[in-house]
């Protein structure tokens, strides 16, 4: 059996916390920022956690299973 490769984009995007949860960045923060309020952009800087329904997929991309 060959080794399973990690998904290259996933290893740059997601981080595993100390308790084993997977941290993600929020969307809508890359461009067209002039029309968005300061409050909205500030809230987008805060990291979120991967939703439980997507957890299995993300773990498979990170080869954690």
PDB file of N, CA and C in Angstrom:
ATOM      1  N   UNK A   1       0.838  -1.191   0.000  1.00  0.00           N
ATOM      2  CA  UNK A   1       0.000   0.000   0.000  1.00  0.00           C
ATOM      3  C   UNK A   1       0.880   1.251   0.000  1.00  0.00           C
ATOM      4  N   UNK A   2       0.602   2.197  -0.905  1.00  0.00           N
ATOM      5  CA  UNK A   2       1.360   3.451  -0.884  1.00  0.00           C
ATOM      6  C   UNK A   2       0.913   4.349   0.261  1.00  0.00           C
ATOM      7  N   UNK A   3       1.756   5.302   0.580  1.00  0.00           N
ATOM      8  CA  UNK A   3       1.401   6.254   1.627  1.00  0.00           C
ATOM      9  C   UNK A   3       0.288   7.174   1.131  1.00  0.00           C
ATOM     10  N   UNK A   4      -0.562   7.632   2.043  1.00  0.00           N
ATOM     11  CA  UNK A   4      -1.634   8.550   1.690  1.00  0.00           C
ATOM     12  C   UNK A   4      -1.095   9.973   1.824  1.00  0.00           C
ATOM     13  N   UNK A   5      -1.282  10.759   0.778  1.00  0.00           N
ATOM     14  CA  UNK A   5      -0.773  12.128   0.793  1.00  0.00           C
ATOM     15  C   UNK A   5      -1.784  13.074   1.434  1.00  0.00           C
ATOM     16  N   UNK A   6      -1.275  14.091   2.112  1.00  0.00           N
ATOM     17  CA  UNK A   6      -2.097  15.146   2.691  1.00  0.00           C
ATOM     18  C   UNK A   6      -2.499  16.109   1.587  1.00  0.00           C
ATOM     19  N   UNK A   7      -3.728  16.616   1.637  1.00  0.00           N
ATOM     20  CA  UNK A   7      -4.215  17.608   0.690  1.00  0.00           C
ATOM     21  C   UNK A   7      -3.438  18.906   0.923  1.00  0.00           C
ATOM     22  N   UNK A   8      -2.750  19.401  -0.114  1.00  0.00           N
ATOM     23  CA  UNK A   8      -1.826  20.526   0.048  1.00  0.00           C
ATOM     24  C   UNK A   8      -2.511  21.806   0.521  1.00  0.00           C
ATOM     25  N   UNK A   9      -3.707  22.097   0.003  1.00  0.00           N
ATOM     26  CA  UNK A   9      -4.406  23.308   0.416  1.00  0.00           C
ATOM     27  C   UNK A   9      -4.912  23.170   1.850  1.00  0.00           C
ATOM     28  N   UNK A  10      -5.330  21.982   2.231  1.00  0.00           N
ATOM     29  CA  UNK A  10      -5.882  21.775   3.570  1.00  0.00           C
ATOM     30  C   UNK A  10      -4.826  21.990   4.652  1.00  0.00           C
ATOM     31  N   UNK A  11      -3.596  21.574   4.391  1.00  0.00           N
ATOM     32  CA  UNK A  11      -2.569  21.737   5.424  1.00  0.00           C
ATOM     33  C   UNK A  11      -2.185  23.197   5.617  1.00  0.00           C
ATOM     34  N   UNK A  12      -2.449  24.054   4.598  1.00  0.00           N
ATOM     35  CA  UNK A  12      -2.186  25.478   4.730  1.00  0.00           C
ATOM     36  C   UNK A  12      -3.379  26.223   5.329  1.00  0.00           C
ATOM     37  N   UNK A  13      -4.570  25.651   5.232  1.00  0.00           N
ATOM     38  CA  UNK A  13      -5.799  26.338   5.614  1.00  0.00           C
ATOM     39  C   UNK A  13      -6.235  26.017   7.033  1.00  0.00           C
ATOM     40  N   UNK A  14      -6.151  24.766   7.420  1.00  0.00           N
ATOM     41  CA  UNK A  14      -6.668  24.323   8.713  1.00  0.00           C
ATOM     42  C   UNK A  14      -5.541  24.086   9.704  1.00  0.00           C
ATOM     43  N   UNK A  15      -5.839  24.317  10.987  1.00  0.00           N
ATOM     44  CA  UNK A  15      -4.898  24.043  12.068  1.00  0.00           C
ATOM     45  C   UNK A  15      -5.622  23.226  13.131  1.00  0.00           C
ATOM     46  N   UNK A  16      -4.914  22.317  13.755  1.00  0.00           N
ATOM     47  CA  UNK A  16      -5.481  21.496  14.819  1.00  0.00           C
ATOM     48  C   UNK A  16      -5.172  22.163  16.148  1.00  0.00           C
ATOM     49  N   UNK A  17      -6.192  22.344  16.988  1.00  0.00           N
ATOM     50  CA  UNK A  17      -6.004  22.966  18.298  1.00  0.00           C
ATOM     51  C   UNK A  17      -5.445  21.938  19.278  1.00  0.00           C
ATOM     52  N   UNK A  18      -5.124  22.381  20.455  1.00  0.00           N
ATOM     53  CA  UNK A  18      -4.571  21.486  21.465  1.00  0.00           C
ATOM     54  C   UNK A  18      -5.554  20.430  21.925  1.00  0.00           C
ATOM     55  N   UNK A  19      -6.844  20.739  21.843  1.00  0.00           N
ATOM     56  CA  UNK A  19      -7.867  19.765  22.265  1.00  0.00           C
ATOM     57  C   UNK A  19      -8.324  18.868  21.130  1.00  0.00           C
ATOM     58  N   UNK A  20      -7.742  19.049  19.923  1.00  0.00           N
ATOM     59  CA  UNK A  20      -8.066  18.171  18.806  1.00  0.00           C
ATOM     60  C   UNK A  20      -9.119  18.715  17.863  1.00  0.00           C
ATOM     61  N   UNK A  21      -9.653  19.909  18.148  1.00  0.00           N
ATOM     62  CA  UNK A  21     -10.619  20.519  17.236  1.00  0.00           C
ATOM     63  C   UNK A  21      -9.859  21.126  16.070  1.00  0.00           C
ATOM     64  N   UNK A  22     -10.563  21.376  14.964  1.00  0.00           N
ATOM     65  CA  UNK A  22      -9.915  21.915  13.777  1.00  0.00           C
ATOM     66  C   UNK A  22     -10.364  23.352  13.578  1.00  0.00           C
ATOM     67  N   UNK A  23      -9.387  24.252  13.508  1.00  0.00           N
ATOM     68  CA  UNK A  23      -9.640  25.680  13.360  1.00  0.00           C
ATOM     69  C   UNK A  23      -9.621  26.045  11.885  1.00  0.00           C
ATOM     70  N   UNK A  24     -10.466  27.008  11.490  1.00  0.00           N
ATOM     71  CA  UNK A  24     -10.535  27.444  10.106  1.00  0.00           C
ATOM     72  C   UNK A  24     -10.582  28.963  10.058  1.00  0.00           C
ATOM     73  N   UNK A  25     -10.270  29.513   8.876  1.00  0.00           N
ATOM     74  CA  UNK A  25     -10.399  30.943   8.653  1.00  0.00           C
ATOM     75  C   UNK A  25     -11.786  31.218   8.091  1.00  0.00           C
ATOM     76  N   UNK A  26     -12.292  32.425   8.295  1.00  0.00           N
ATOM     77  CA  UNK A  26     -13.610  32.779   7.793  1.00  0.00           C
ATOM     78  C   UNK A  26     -13.524  33.311   6.374  1.00  0.00           C
ATOM     79  N   UNK A  27     -14.586  33.122   5.621  1.00  0.00           N
ATOM     80  CA  UNK A  27     -14.644  33.544   4.223  1.00  0.00           C
ATOM     81  C   UNK A  27     -15.011  35.022   4.122  1.00  0.00           C
ATOM     82  N   UNK A  28     -14.987  35.550   2.901  1.00  0.00           N
ATOM     83  CA  UNK A  28     -15.396  36.923   2.577  1.00  0.00           C
ATOM     84  C   UNK A  28     -14.449  37.973   3.140  1.00  0.00           C
ATOM     85  N   UNK A  29     -13.156  37.689   3.235  1.00  0.00           N
ATOM     86  CA  UNK A  29     -12.199  38.645   3.780  1.00  0.00           C
ATOM     87  C   UNK A  29     -11.064  38.925   2.790  1.00  0.00           C
ATOM     88  N   UNK A  30     -11.208  38.496   1.536  1.00  0.00           N
ATOM     89  CA  UNK A  30     -10.087  38.612   0.611  1.00  0.00           C
ATOM     90  C   UNK A  30     -10.139  39.847  -0.286  1.00  0.00           C
ATOM     91  N   UNK A  31     -11.317  40.262  -0.753  1.00  0.00           N
ATOM     92  CA  UNK A  31     -11.399  41.429  -1.633  1.00  0.00           C
ATOM     93  C   UNK A  31     -12.773  42.076  -1.485  1.00  0.00           C
ATOM     94  N   UNK A  32     -12.970  43.202  -2.156  1.00  0.00           N
ATOM     95  CA  UNK A  32     -14.201  44.016  -2.040  1.00  0.00           C
ATOM     96  C   UNK A  32     -14.462  44.412  -0.592  1.00  0.00           C
ATOM     97  N   UNK A  33     -13.407  44.913   0.068  1.00  0.00           N
ATOM     98  CA  UNK A  33     -13.506  45.206   1.492  1.00  0.00           C
ATOM     99  C   UNK A  33     -13.984  46.625   1.781  1.00  0.00           C
ATOM    100  N   UNK A  34     -14.027  47.485   0.767  1.00  0.00           N
ATOM    101  CA  UNK A  34     -14.407  48.871   1.032  1.00  0.00           C
ATOM    102  C   UNK A  34     -15.884  49.009   1.384  1.00  0.00           C
ATOM    103  N   UNK A  35     -16.706  48.141   0.850  1.00  0.00           N
ATOM    104  CA  UNK A  35     -18.141  48.233   1.130  1.00  0.00           C
ATOM    105  C   UNK A  35     -18.541  47.539   2.440  1.00  0.00           C
ATOM    106  N   UNK A  36     -17.619  46.794   3.029  1.00  0.00           N
ATOM    107  CA  UNK A  36     -17.919  46.091   4.281  1.00  0.00           C
ATOM    108  C   UNK A  36     -17.551  46.970   5.471  1.00  0.00           C
ATOM    109  N   UNK A  37     -18.330  46.901   6.507  1.00  0.00           N
ATOM    110  CA  UNK A  37     -18.102  47.761   7.672  1.00  0.00           C
ATOM    111  C   UNK A  37     -16.882  47.285   8.463  1.00  0.00           C
ATOM    112  N   UNK A  38     -16.352  48.192   9.281  1.00  0.00           N
ATOM    113  CA  UNK A  38     -15.200  47.852  10.109  1.00  0.00           C
ATOM    114  C   UNK A  38     -15.538  46.722  11.066  1.00  0.00           C
ATOM    115  N   UNK A  39     -16.739  46.772  11.616  1.00  0.00           N
ATOM    116  CA  UNK A  39     -17.162  45.731  12.563  1.00  0.00           C
ATOM    117  C   UNK A  39     -17.213  44.371  11.893  1.00  0.00           C
ATOM    118  N   UNK A  40     -17.773  44.335  10.678  1.00  0.00           N
ATOM    119  CA  UNK A  40     -17.877  43.078   9.947  1.00  0.00           C
ATOM    120  C   UNK A  40     -16.501  42.503   9.637  1.00  0.00           C
ATOM    121  N   UNK A  41     -15.582  43.366   9.196  1.00  0.00           N
ATOM    122  CA  UNK A  41     -14.225  42.905   8.875  1.00  0.00           C
ATOM    123  C   UNK A  41     -13.481  42.446  10.130  1.00  0.00           C
ATOM    124  N   UNK A  42     -13.718  43.113  11.241  1.00  0.00           N
ATOM    125  CA  UNK A  42     -13.083  42.718  12.504  1.00  0.00           C
ATOM    126  C   UNK A  42     -13.573  41.347  12.947  1.00  0.00           C
ATOM    127  N   UNK A  43     -14.873  41.087  12.793  1.00  0.00           N
ATOM    128  CA  UNK A  43     -15.417  39.780  13.171  1.00  0.00           C
ATOM    129  C   UNK A  43     -14.909  38.668  12.247  1.00  0.00           C
ATOM    130  N   UNK A  44     -14.598  39.018  11.008  1.00  0.00           N
ATOM    131  CA  UNK A  44     -14.088  38.013  10.071  1.00  0.00           C
ATOM    132  C   UNK A  44     -12.648  37.608  10.385  1.00  0.00           C
ATOM    133  N   UNK A  45     -11.930  38.432  11.175  1.00  0.00           N
ATOM    134  CA  UNK A  45     -10.560  38.077  11.551  1.00  0.00           C
ATOM    135  C   UNK A  45     -10.515  36.953  12.572  1.00  0.00           C
ATOM    136  N   UNK A  46     -11.599  36.784  13.330  1.00  0.00           N
ATOM    137  CA  UNK A  46     -11.637  35.779  14.393  1.00  0.00           C
ATOM    138  C   UNK A  46     -11.776  34.391  13.759  1.00  0.00           C
ATOM    139  N   UNK A  47     -10.976  33.454  14.207  1.00  0.00           N
ATOM    140  CA  UNK A  47     -11.029  32.098  13.670  1.00  0.00           C
ATOM    141  C   UNK A  47     -12.304  31.402  14.107  1.00  0.00           C
ATOM    142  N   UNK A  48     -12.779  30.510  13.250  1.00  0.00           N
ATOM    143  CA  UNK A  48     -13.920  29.686  13.589  1.00  0.00           C
ATOM    144  C   UNK A  48     -13.485  28.237  13.678  1.00  0.00           C
ATOM    145  N   UNK A  49     -14.404  27.382  14.067  1.00  0.00           N
ATOM    146  CA  UNK A  49     -14.138  25.950  14.113  1.00  0.00           C
ATOM    147  C   UNK A  49     -14.891  25.260  12.987  1.00  0.00           C
ATOM    148  N   UNK A  50     -14.356  24.162  12.511  1.00  0.00           N
ATOM    149  CA  UNK A  50     -15.006  23.395  11.455  1.00  0.00           C
ATOM    150  C   UNK A  50     -16.281  22.778  12.018  1.00  0.00           C
ATOM    151  N   UNK A  51     -17.372  22.896  11.262  1.00  0.00           N
ATOM    152  CA  UNK A  51     -18.663  22.358  11.686  1.00  0.00           C
ATOM    153  C   UNK A  51     -18.589  20.831  11.744  1.00  0.00           C
ATOM    154  N   UNK A  52     -19.284  20.229  12.720  1.00  0.00           N
ATOM    155  CA  UNK A  52     -19.224  18.761  12.860  1.00  0.00           C
ATOM    156  C   UNK A  52     -19.625  17.988  11.605  1.00  0.00           C
ATOM    157  N   UNK A  53     -20.506  18.558  10.779  1.00  0.00           N
ATOM    158  CA  UNK A  53     -20.917  17.855   9.559  1.00  0.00           C
ATOM    159  C   UNK A  53     -19.796  17.796   8.525  1.00  0.00           C
ATOM    160  N   UNK A  54     -18.816  18.701   8.602  1.00  0.00           N
ATOM    161  CA  UNK A  54     -17.685  18.712   7.669  1.00  0.00           C
ATOM    162  C   UNK A  54     -16.416  18.133   8.269  1.00  0.00           C
ATOM    163  N   UNK A  55     -16.471  17.741   9.522  1.00  0.00           N
ATOM    164  CA  UNK A  55     -15.278  17.316  10.239  1.00  0.00           C
ATOM    165  C   UNK A  55     -14.629  16.072   9.627  1.00  0.00           C
ATOM    166  N   UNK A  56     -15.430  15.108   9.218  1.00  0.00           N
ATOM    167  CA  UNK A  56     -14.895  13.868   8.661  1.00  0.00           C
ATOM    168  C   UNK A  56     -14.141  14.136   7.355  1.00  0.00           C
ATOM    169  N   UNK A  57     -14.691  15.013   6.523  1.00  0.00           N
ATOM    170  CA  UNK A  57     -14.056  15.366   5.253  1.00  0.00           C
ATOM    171  C   UNK A  57     -12.722  16.071   5.469  1.00  0.00           C
ATOM    172  N   UNK A  58     -12.703  17.031   6.395  1.00  0.00           N
ATOM    173  CA  UNK A  58     -11.477  17.791   6.653  1.00  0.00           C
ATOM    174  C   UNK A  58     -10.410  16.893   7.266  1.00  0.00           C
ATOM    175  N   UNK A  59     -10.810  16.023   8.175  1.00  0.00           N
ATOM    176  CA  UNK A  59      -9.840  15.099   8.778  1.00  0.00           C
ATOM    177  C   UNK A  59      -9.244  14.168   7.731  1.00  0.00           C
ATOM    178  N   UNK A  60     -10.058  13.756   6.758  1.00  0.00           N
ATOM    179  CA  UNK A  60      -9.553  12.890   5.702  1.00  0.00           C
ATOM    180  C   UNK A  60      -8.561  13.638   4.821  1.00  0.00           C
ATOM    181  N   UNK A  61      -8.817  14.944   4.569  1.00  0.00           N
ATOM    182  CA  UNK A  61      -7.876  15.729   3.769  1.00  0.00           C
ATOM    183  C   UNK A  61      -6.560  15.929   4.515  1.00  0.00           C
ATOM    184  N   UNK A  62      -6.637  16.015   5.843  1.00  0.00           N
ATOM    185  CA  UNK A  62      -5.427  16.180   6.648  1.00  0.00           C
ATOM    186  C   UNK A  62      -4.789  14.843   7.023  1.00  0.00           C
ATOM    187  N   UNK A  63      -5.373  13.740   6.604  1.00  0.00           N
ATOM    188  CA  UNK A  63      -4.920  12.378   6.889  1.00  0.00           C
ATOM    189  C   UNK A  63      -4.775  12.181   8.402  1.00  0.00           C
ATOM    190  N   UNK A  64      -5.854  12.490   9.117  1.00  0.00           N
ATOM    191  CA  UNK A  64      -5.871  12.297  10.568  1.00  0.00           C
ATOM    192  C   UNK A  64      -6.637  11.045  10.949  1.00  0.00           C
ATOM    193  N   UNK A  65      -7.265  10.386   9.998  1.00  0.00           N
ATOM    194  CA  UNK A  65      -8.104   9.249  10.348  1.00  0.00           C
ATOM    195  C   UNK A  65      -7.337   7.948  10.246  1.00  0.00           C
TER     196      UNK A  65
END
